[in-house]
Amino acid sequence: MTHTIINPESLHNPVAFGYSHLARATGEIVFIAGQYASDGDGQVTSEDFADQVRQSFANLGKALAAAGLDYSNVVQIRTHIVDHDLAKLEILAKAVREIWGDQPPTQTLTGVAALALPGMLFEVDAIAVTG
């Protein structure tokens, strides 16, 4: 394994919120730029937030695969949500659980007024490590 997820008992359990407190990693570090719900031409694929989250993570998976990695190599994600609220947090947490189960990577979520392109509601970047 390239990393170990750590959630100290002295801190709250963050897994239900879609993240872990620490990741101890070994190996080469791979940085993945922000992925959003884009098609092959860079156009936003949907106006729906949940659809954008799913497509963004699918695109993250494609970027990881290009480096010979998969989601299990990810130690940190940073997510950016336009007009963040608790309903959007629930959608994000569900997507994270579907991918990483009870061992999600560390995560920092930032609520933003806008992202790079019109119609973008969500973006995720990542740090992964090789085995």
C-alpha atoms as a PDB file:
ATOM      1  CA  MET A   1       0.000   0.000   0.000  1.00  0.00           C
ATOM      2  CA  THR A   2       1.271   3.475  -0.850  1.00  0.00           C
ATOM      3  CA  HIS A   3      -0.462   5.252   1.997  1.00  0.00           C
ATOM      4  CA  THR A   4      -2.226   4.817   5.299  1.00  0.00           C
ATOM      5  CA  ILE A   5      -5.344   6.755   6.267  1.00  0.00           C
ATOM      6  CA  ILE A   6      -5.397   7.898   9.904  1.00  0.00           C
ATOM      7  CA  ASN A   7      -8.389   9.250  11.827  1.00  0.00           C
ATOM      8  CA  PRO A   8      -7.278   9.808  15.428  1.00  0.00           C
ATOM      9  CA  GLU A   9      -9.834   9.001  18.098  1.00  0.00           C
ATOM     10  CA  SER A  10      -8.974  12.346  19.714  1.00  0.00           C
ATOM     11  CA  LEU A  11     -10.611  14.126  16.731  1.00  0.00           C
ATOM     12  CA  HIS A  12     -14.163  13.807  15.396  1.00  0.00           C
ATOM     13  CA  ASN A  13     -14.905  11.053  12.879  1.00  0.00           C
ATOM     14  CA  PRO A  14     -14.868  12.855   9.502  1.00  0.00           C
ATOM     15  CA  VAL A  15     -15.741   9.901   7.247  1.00  0.00           C
ATOM     16  CA  ALA A  16     -19.466  10.730   7.068  1.00  0.00           C
ATOM     17  CA  PHE A  17     -18.479  14.130   5.703  1.00  0.00           C
ATOM     18  CA  GLY A  18     -16.368  12.496   2.971  1.00  0.00           C
ATOM     19  CA  TYR A  19     -12.801  12.942   4.191  1.00  0.00           C
ATOM     20  CA  SER A  20     -10.117  11.697   6.572  1.00  0.00           C
ATOM     21  CA  HIS A  21      -7.828  13.715   8.845  1.00  0.00           C
ATOM     22  CA  LEU A  22      -4.407  12.344   7.800  1.00  0.00           C
ATOM     23  CA  ALA A  23      -2.716  10.307   5.115  1.00  0.00           C
ATOM     24  CA  ARG A  24       0.830   9.009   5.580  1.00  0.00           C
ATOM     25  CA  ALA A  25       2.318   8.340   2.138  1.00  0.00           C
ATOM     26  CA  THR A  26       5.402   6.776   0.570  1.00  0.00           C
ATOM     27  CA  GLY A  27       6.382   6.763  -3.101  1.00  0.00           C
ATOM     28  CA  GLU A  28       6.478   9.225  -5.971  1.00  0.00           C
ATOM     29  CA  ILE A  29       4.020  12.123  -5.734  1.00  0.00           C
ATOM     30  CA  VAL A  30       1.649  12.807  -8.638  1.00  0.00           C
ATOM     31  CA  PHE A  31      -0.296  16.081  -8.790  1.00  0.00           C
ATOM     32  CA  ILE A  32      -3.580  16.117 -10.720  1.00  0.00           C
ATOM     33  CA  ALA A  33      -4.969  19.474 -11.833  1.00  0.00           C
ATOM     34  CA  GLY A  34      -8.555  20.478 -11.218  1.00  0.00           C
ATOM     35  CA  GLN A  35     -10.998  18.204 -13.021  1.00  0.00           C
ATOM     36  CA  TYR A  36     -14.501  19.346 -13.805  1.00  0.00           C
ATOM     37  CA  ALA A  37     -17.523  17.946 -15.624  1.00  0.00           C
ATOM     38  CA  SER A  38     -16.032  18.381 -19.077  1.00  0.00           C
ATOM     39  CA  ASP A  39     -16.461  16.520 -22.320  1.00  0.00           C
ATOM     40  CA  GLY A  40     -13.695  15.879 -24.845  1.00  0.00           C
ATOM     41  CA  ASP A  41     -13.878  19.492 -26.022  1.00  0.00           C
ATOM     42  CA  GLY A  42     -13.698  21.005 -22.518  1.00  0.00           C
ATOM     43  CA  GLN A  43     -17.372  21.928 -22.441  1.00  0.00           C
ATOM     44  CA  VAL A  44     -19.408  21.531 -19.231  1.00  0.00           C
ATOM     45  CA  THR A  45     -21.564  18.423 -19.652  1.00  0.00           C
ATOM     46  CA  SER A  46     -24.489  19.206 -17.356  1.00  0.00           C
ATOM     47  CA  GLU A  47     -26.140  21.978 -15.370  1.00  0.00           C
ATOM     48  CA  ASP A  48     -26.968  19.545 -12.542  1.00  0.00           C
ATOM     49  CA  PHE A  49     -24.618  19.625  -9.530  1.00  0.00           C
ATOM     50  CA  ALA A  50     -24.774  15.871  -8.825  1.00  0.00           C
ATOM     51  CA  ASP A  51     -24.061  15.088 -12.487  1.00  0.00           C
ATOM     52  CA  GLN A  52     -21.099  17.467 -12.411  1.00  0.00           C
ATOM     53  CA  VAL A  53     -19.679  15.786  -9.306  1.00  0.00           C
ATOM     54  CA  ARG A  54     -19.958  12.331 -10.912  1.00  0.00           C
ATOM     55  CA  GLN A  55     -18.369  13.482 -14.185  1.00  0.00           C
ATOM     56  CA  SER A  56     -15.598  15.374 -12.395  1.00  0.00           C
ATOM     57  CA  PHE A  57     -14.623  12.270 -10.426  1.00  0.00           C
ATOM     58  CA  ALA A  58     -14.840  10.166 -13.604  1.00  0.00           C
ATOM     59  CA  ASN A  59     -12.437  12.623 -15.257  1.00  0.00           C
ATOM     60  CA  LEU A  60     -10.179  12.393 -12.205  1.00  0.00           C
ATOM     61  CA  GLY A  61     -10.167   8.624 -12.713  1.00  0.00           C
ATOM     62  CA  LYS A  62      -9.104   9.104 -16.349  1.00  0.00           C
ATOM     63  CA  ALA A  63      -6.282  11.437 -15.306  1.00  0.00           C
ATOM     64  CA  LEU A  64      -5.105   8.930 -12.694  1.00  0.00           C
ATOM     65  CA  ALA A  65      -5.197   6.106 -15.249  1.00  0.00           C
ATOM     66  CA  ALA A  66      -2.986   8.151 -17.599  1.00  0.00           C
ATOM     67  CA  ALA A  67      -0.321   7.999 -14.865  1.00  0.00           C
ATOM     68  CA  GLY A  68      -0.883   4.272 -14.283  1.00  0.00           C
ATOM     69  CA  LEU A  69      -2.784   4.972 -11.053  1.00  0.00           C
ATOM     70  CA  ASP A  70      -6.329   4.663  -9.743  1.00  0.00           C
ATOM     71  CA  TYR A  71      -8.419   6.144  -6.946  1.00  0.00           C
ATOM     72  CA  SER A  72      -6.659   3.992  -4.347  1.00  0.00           C
ATOM     73  CA  ASN A  73      -3.481   6.010  -4.934  1.00  0.00           C
ATOM     74  CA  VAL A  74      -5.124   9.318  -3.979  1.00  0.00           C
ATOM     75  CA  VAL A  75      -4.067  10.757  -0.622  1.00  0.00           C
ATOM     76  CA  GLN A  76      -5.638  14.214  -0.896  1.00  0.00           C
ATOM     77  CA  ILE A  77      -8.412  15.926  -2.799  1.00  0.00           C
ATOM     78  CA  ARG A  78      -9.325  19.569  -2.835  1.00  0.00           C
ATOM     79  CA  THR A  79     -12.879  20.315  -3.865  1.00  0.00           C
ATOM     80  CA  HIS A  80     -14.363  23.607  -4.955  1.00  0.00           C
ATOM     81  CA  ILE A  81     -18.135  24.137  -4.888  1.00  0.00           C
ATOM     82  CA  VAL A  82     -20.012  27.132  -6.280  1.00  0.00           C
ATOM     83  CA  ASP A  83     -22.564  28.400  -3.729  1.00  0.00           C
ATOM     84  CA  HIS A  84     -21.711  25.627  -1.258  1.00  0.00           C
ATOM     85  CA  ASP A  85     -24.476  24.432   1.081  1.00  0.00           C
ATOM     86  CA  LEU A  86     -25.241  21.312   3.130  1.00  0.00           C
ATOM     87  CA  ALA A  87     -27.243  19.674   0.317  1.00  0.00           C
ATOM     88  CA  LYS A  88     -24.206  19.899  -1.970  1.00  0.00           C
ATOM     89  CA  LEU A  89     -21.979  18.574   0.815  1.00  0.00           C
ATOM     90  CA  GLU A  90     -24.233  15.509   1.084  1.00  0.00           C
ATOM     91  CA  ILE A  91     -23.948  14.885  -2.671  1.00  0.00           C
ATOM     92  CA  LEU A  92     -20.170  15.221  -2.508  1.00  0.00           C
ATOM     93  CA  ALA A  93     -19.871  12.975   0.565  1.00  0.00           C
ATOM     94  CA  LYS A  94     -21.979  10.297  -1.166  1.00  0.00           C
ATOM     95  CA  ALA A  95     -19.724  10.390  -4.242  1.00  0.00           C
ATOM     96  CA  VAL A  96     -16.600  10.136  -2.078  1.00  0.00           C
ATOM     97  CA  ARG A  97     -18.062   7.158  -0.179  1.00  0.00           C
ATOM     98  CA  GLU A  98     -18.910   5.423  -3.486  1.00  0.00           C
ATOM     99  CA  ILE A  99     -15.298   5.728  -4.627  1.00  0.00           C
ATOM    100  CA  TRP A 100     -13.282   5.323  -1.402  1.00  0.00           C
ATOM    101  CA  GLY A 101     -15.713   3.688   1.043  1.00  0.00           C
ATOM    102  CA  ASP A 102     -14.722   4.134   4.680  1.00  0.00           C
ATOM    103  CA  GLN A 103     -11.123   5.147   3.786  1.00  0.00           C
ATOM    104  CA  PRO A 104     -11.549   8.491   2.020  1.00  0.00           C
ATOM    105  CA  PRO A 105      -8.511  10.639   1.300  1.00  0.00           C
ATOM    106  CA  THR A 106      -7.860  13.872   3.121  1.00  0.00           C
ATOM    107  CA  GLN A 107      -9.968  16.695   1.715  1.00  0.00           C
ATOM    108  CA  THR A 108     -10.244  20.431   1.859  1.00  0.00           C
ATOM    109  CA  LEU A 109     -13.519  21.856   0.567  1.00  0.00           C
ATOM    110  CA  THR A 110     -13.734  25.470  -0.532  1.00  0.00           C
ATOM    111  CA  GLY A 111     -16.961  27.273  -1.257  1.00  0.00           C
ATOM    112  CA  VAL A 112     -16.491  29.704  -4.131  1.00  0.00           C
ATOM    113  CA  ALA A 113     -18.518  32.342  -5.988  1.00  0.00           C
ATOM    114  CA  ALA A 114     -17.475  31.036  -9.409  1.00  0.00           C
ATOM    115  CA  LEU A 115     -15.054  28.699 -11.172  1.00  0.00           C
ATOM    116  CA  ALA A 116     -13.050  29.055 -14.391  1.00  0.00           C
ATOM    117  CA  LEU A 117     -15.828  28.554 -16.951  1.00  0.00           C
ATOM    118  CA  PRO A 118     -19.497  29.550 -17.063  1.00  0.00           C
ATOM    119  CA  GLY A 119     -21.678  26.721 -15.811  1.00  0.00           C
ATOM    120  CA  MET A 120     -18.987  25.013 -13.734  1.00  0.00           C
ATOM    121  CA  LEU A 121     -20.394  24.146 -10.295  1.00  0.00           C
ATOM    122  CA  PHE A 122     -17.734  21.728  -9.043  1.00  0.00           C
ATOM    123  CA  GLU A 123     -14.027  21.029  -9.455  1.00  0.00           C
ATOM    124  CA  VAL A 124     -11.673  18.519  -7.808  1.00  0.00           C
ATOM    125  CA  ASP A 125      -7.884  18.316  -7.841  1.00  0.00           C
ATOM    126  CA  ALA A 126      -5.828  15.581  -6.253  1.00  0.00           C
ATOM    127  CA  ILE A 127      -2.484  14.423  -4.966  1.00  0.00           C
ATOM    128  CA  ALA A 128      -1.681  10.732  -5.471  1.00  0.00           C
ATOM    129  CA  VAL A 129       1.314   8.556  -4.639  1.00  0.00           C
ATOM    130  CA  THR A 130       2.760   5.624  -6.526  1.00  0.00           C
ATOM    131  CA  GLY A 131       3.319   2.270  -4.932  1.00  0.00           C
END
